Amino acid sequence: MKFLVALFGVVLVLEGLPYAAFPKPMQKWLGQMAVMPPHLLRVFGVLAMAVGLLLCYLTQRTTVLG
């Protein structure tokens, strides 16, 4: 459970970093996302999840075998 909480903290840091470092460009980017069709956002979301799952799988596989 401790690892999960730490991992959630790292995710929040990485998610907040662009907003803290580049607030104006992030506002512009979020404005562009607001006008994108929902199906395109869904495709990007599914692709991001697939890449994340692949990275988790590869990390666990190399940790167990290596």
N, C-alpha and C. Protein backbone atom coordinates (compact mmCIF):
# COMPACT_ATOMS: atom_id res chain seq x y z
N MET A 1 0.82 -1.20 0.00
CA MET A 1 0.00 0.00 0.00
C MET A 1 0.87 1.26 0.00
N LYS A 2 1.99 1.19 0.72
CA LYS A 2 2.91 2.32 0.78
C LYS A 2 3.44 2.65 -0.62
N PHE A 3 3.75 1.62 -1.39
CA PHE A 3 4.26 1.82 -2.75
C PHE A 3 3.20 2.49 -3.63
N LEU A 4 1.94 2.07 -3.48
CA LEU A 4 0.85 2.63 -4.28
C LEU A 4 0.66 4.11 -3.98
N VAL A 5 0.73 4.49 -2.72
CA VAL A 5 0.59 5.89 -2.34
C VAL A 5 1.76 6.70 -2.89
N ALA A 6 2.97 6.16 -2.81
CA ALA A 6 4.15 6.84 -3.35
C ALA A 6 4.03 6.99 -4.86
N LEU A 7 3.55 5.95 -5.52
CA LEU A 7 3.37 6.01 -6.97
C LEU A 7 2.34 7.07 -7.35
N PHE A 8 1.26 7.15 -6.59
CA PHE A 8 0.24 8.17 -6.84
C PHE A 8 0.84 9.56 -6.66
N GLY A 9 1.69 9.73 -5.68
CA GLY A 9 2.37 11.01 -5.47
C GLY A 9 3.25 11.39 -6.64
N VAL A 10 3.97 10.43 -7.18
CA VAL A 10 4.82 10.69 -8.34
C VAL A 10 3.97 11.08 -9.55
N VAL A 11 2.85 10.41 -9.73
CA VAL A 11 1.95 10.75 -10.84
C VAL A 11 1.46 12.19 -10.69
N LEU A 12 1.07 12.59 -9.50
CA LEU A 12 0.60 13.95 -9.29
C LEU A 12 1.70 14.98 -9.56
N VAL A 13 2.92 14.67 -9.16
CA VAL A 13 4.04 15.58 -9.43
C VAL A 13 4.24 15.71 -10.94
N LEU A 14 4.26 14.59 -11.65
CA LEU A 14 4.47 14.64 -13.10
C LEU A 14 3.31 15.31 -13.83
N GLU A 15 2.10 15.14 -13.33
CA GLU A 15 0.94 15.78 -13.94
C GLU A 15 0.95 17.29 -13.69
N GLY A 16 1.40 17.71 -12.53
CA GLY A 16 1.38 19.13 -12.19
C GLY A 16 2.55 19.92 -12.73
N LEU A 17 3.63 19.26 -13.06
CA LEU A 17 4.84 19.93 -13.51
C LEU A 17 4.63 20.83 -14.73
N PRO A 18 3.99 20.37 -15.80
CA PRO A 18 3.80 21.25 -16.95
C PRO A 18 2.95 22.49 -16.63
N TYR A 19 1.95 22.34 -15.76
CA TYR A 19 1.12 23.49 -15.39
C TYR A 19 1.92 24.52 -14.60
N ALA A 20 2.81 24.07 -13.74
CA ALA A 20 3.63 24.98 -12.95
C ALA A 20 4.73 25.62 -13.80
N ALA A 21 5.32 24.87 -14.69
CA ALA A 21 6.45 25.36 -15.48
C ALA A 21 6.00 26.19 -16.69
N PHE A 22 4.89 25.81 -17.31
CA PHE A 22 4.46 26.46 -18.54
C PHE A 22 2.95 26.74 -18.52
N PRO A 23 2.48 27.65 -17.67
CA PRO A 23 1.03 27.84 -17.54
C PRO A 23 0.36 28.36 -18.81
N LYS A 24 0.96 29.33 -19.48
CA LYS A 24 0.32 29.89 -20.68
C LYS A 24 0.22 28.87 -21.81
N PRO A 25 1.32 28.17 -22.16
CA PRO A 25 1.18 27.14 -23.21
C PRO A 25 0.20 26.03 -22.85
N MET A 26 0.12 25.70 -21.56
CA MET A 26 -0.83 24.66 -21.14
C MET A 26 -2.27 25.14 -21.33
N GLN A 27 -2.54 26.42 -21.07
CA GLN A 27 -3.88 26.96 -21.31
C GLN A 27 -4.23 26.86 -22.79
N LYS A 28 -3.26 27.20 -23.64
CA LYS A 28 -3.49 27.13 -25.09
C LYS A 28 -3.75 25.69 -25.52
N TRP A 29 -2.94 24.77 -25.00
CA TRP A 29 -3.07 23.36 -25.37
C TRP A 29 -4.41 22.79 -24.90
N LEU A 30 -4.81 23.15 -23.67
CA LEU A 30 -6.09 22.67 -23.15
C LEU A 30 -7.26 23.26 -23.94
N GLY A 31 -7.11 24.51 -24.40
CA GLY A 31 -8.14 25.11 -25.25
C GLY A 31 -8.28 24.36 -26.56
N GLN A 32 -7.16 23.92 -27.12
CA GLN A 32 -7.21 23.15 -28.36
C GLN A 32 -7.85 21.78 -28.12
N MET A 33 -7.59 21.20 -26.95
CA MET A 33 -8.20 19.91 -26.64
C MET A 33 -9.71 20.03 -26.47
N ALA A 34 -10.16 21.18 -25.99
CA ALA A 34 -11.59 21.38 -25.75
C ALA A 34 -12.40 21.34 -27.04
N VAL A 35 -11.78 21.67 -28.16
CA VAL A 35 -12.51 21.69 -29.43
C VAL A 35 -12.28 20.43 -30.26
N MET A 36 -11.47 19.51 -29.75
CA MET A 36 -11.24 18.25 -30.47
C MET A 36 -12.48 17.36 -30.35
N PRO A 37 -12.75 16.58 -31.39
CA PRO A 37 -13.89 15.65 -31.29
C PRO A 37 -13.64 14.59 -30.21
N PRO A 38 -14.70 14.21 -29.49
CA PRO A 38 -14.54 13.24 -28.39
C PRO A 38 -13.92 11.92 -28.83
N HIS A 39 -14.23 11.45 -30.02
CA HIS A 39 -13.67 10.15 -30.44
C HIS A 39 -12.16 10.22 -30.60
N LEU A 40 -11.63 11.38 -30.98
CA LEU A 40 -10.18 11.53 -31.12
C LEU A 40 -9.52 11.53 -29.74
N LEU A 41 -10.16 12.19 -28.77
CA LEU A 41 -9.64 12.16 -27.40
C LEU A 41 -9.64 10.74 -26.85
N ARG A 42 -10.69 9.99 -27.19
CA ARG A 42 -10.79 8.60 -26.73
C ARG A 42 -9.65 7.77 -27.32
N VAL A 43 -9.37 7.97 -28.60
CA VAL A 43 -8.27 7.23 -29.25
C VAL A 43 -6.94 7.54 -28.56
N PHE A 44 -6.68 8.83 -28.30
CA PHE A 44 -5.44 9.20 -27.61
C PHE A 44 -5.38 8.60 -26.21
N GLY A 45 -6.51 8.58 -25.51
CA GLY A 45 -6.57 8.00 -24.18
C GLY A 45 -6.28 6.51 -24.18
N VAL A 46 -6.88 5.80 -25.13
CA VAL A 46 -6.66 4.35 -25.24
C VAL A 46 -5.20 4.07 -25.60
N LEU A 47 -4.64 4.86 -26.51
CA LEU A 47 -3.22 4.67 -26.87
C LEU A 47 -2.31 4.93 -25.67
N ALA A 48 -2.60 5.98 -24.90
CA ALA A 48 -1.78 6.28 -23.72
C ALA A 48 -1.87 5.14 -22.70
N MET A 49 -3.07 4.60 -22.49
CA MET A 49 -3.22 3.48 -21.55
C MET A 49 -2.47 2.25 -22.06
N ALA A 50 -2.54 1.99 -23.37
CA ALA A 50 -1.85 0.82 -23.92
C ALA A 50 -0.34 0.95 -23.75
N VAL A 51 0.19 2.13 -24.01
CA VAL A 51 1.64 2.34 -23.82
C VAL A 51 2.00 2.18 -22.34
N GLY A 52 1.17 2.72 -21.45
CA GLY A 52 1.42 2.59 -20.02
C GLY A 52 1.40 1.14 -19.56
N LEU A 53 0.41 0.38 -20.03
CA LEU A 53 0.34 -1.04 -19.67
C LEU A 53 1.53 -1.81 -20.23
N LEU A 54 1.94 -1.48 -21.45
CA LEU A 54 3.10 -2.14 -22.05
C LEU A 54 4.36 -1.85 -21.23
N LEU A 55 4.52 -0.60 -20.81
CA LEU A 55 5.68 -0.26 -19.99
C LEU A 55 5.66 -0.99 -18.65
N CYS A 56 4.48 -1.07 -18.03
CA CYS A 56 4.36 -1.82 -16.77
C CYS A 56 4.70 -3.29 -16.99
N TYR A 57 4.19 -3.87 -18.06
CA TYR A 57 4.46 -5.28 -18.36
C TYR A 57 5.95 -5.51 -18.58
N LEU A 58 6.56 -4.68 -19.41
CA LEU A 58 7.99 -4.86 -19.70
C LEU A 58 8.84 -4.66 -18.46
N THR A 59 8.46 -3.70 -17.62
CA THR A 59 9.22 -3.47 -16.39
C THR A 59 9.12 -4.69 -15.46
N GLN A 60 7.93 -5.21 -15.29
CA GLN A 60 7.75 -6.37 -14.41
C GLN A 60 8.44 -7.61 -14.98
N ARG A 61 8.37 -7.76 -16.28
CA ARG A 61 8.97 -8.94 -16.92
C ARG A 61 10.49 -8.92 -16.76
N THR A 62 11.10 -7.77 -16.98
CA THR A 62 12.56 -7.69 -16.84
C THR A 62 12.98 -7.74 -15.38
N THR A 63 12.13 -7.26 -14.47
CA THR A 63 12.45 -7.33 -13.05
C THR A 63 12.43 -8.77 -12.55
N VAL A 64 11.44 -9.52 -12.99
CA VAL A 64 11.32 -10.91 -12.55
C VAL A 64 12.41 -11.78 -13.17
N LEU A 65 12.67 -11.58 -14.46
CA LEU A 65 13.65 -12.41 -15.15
C LEU A 65 15.09 -11.96 -14.89
N GLY A 66 15.30 -10.66 -14.70
CA GLY A 66 16.65 -10.15 -14.60
C GLY A 66 17.11 -10.08 -13.22
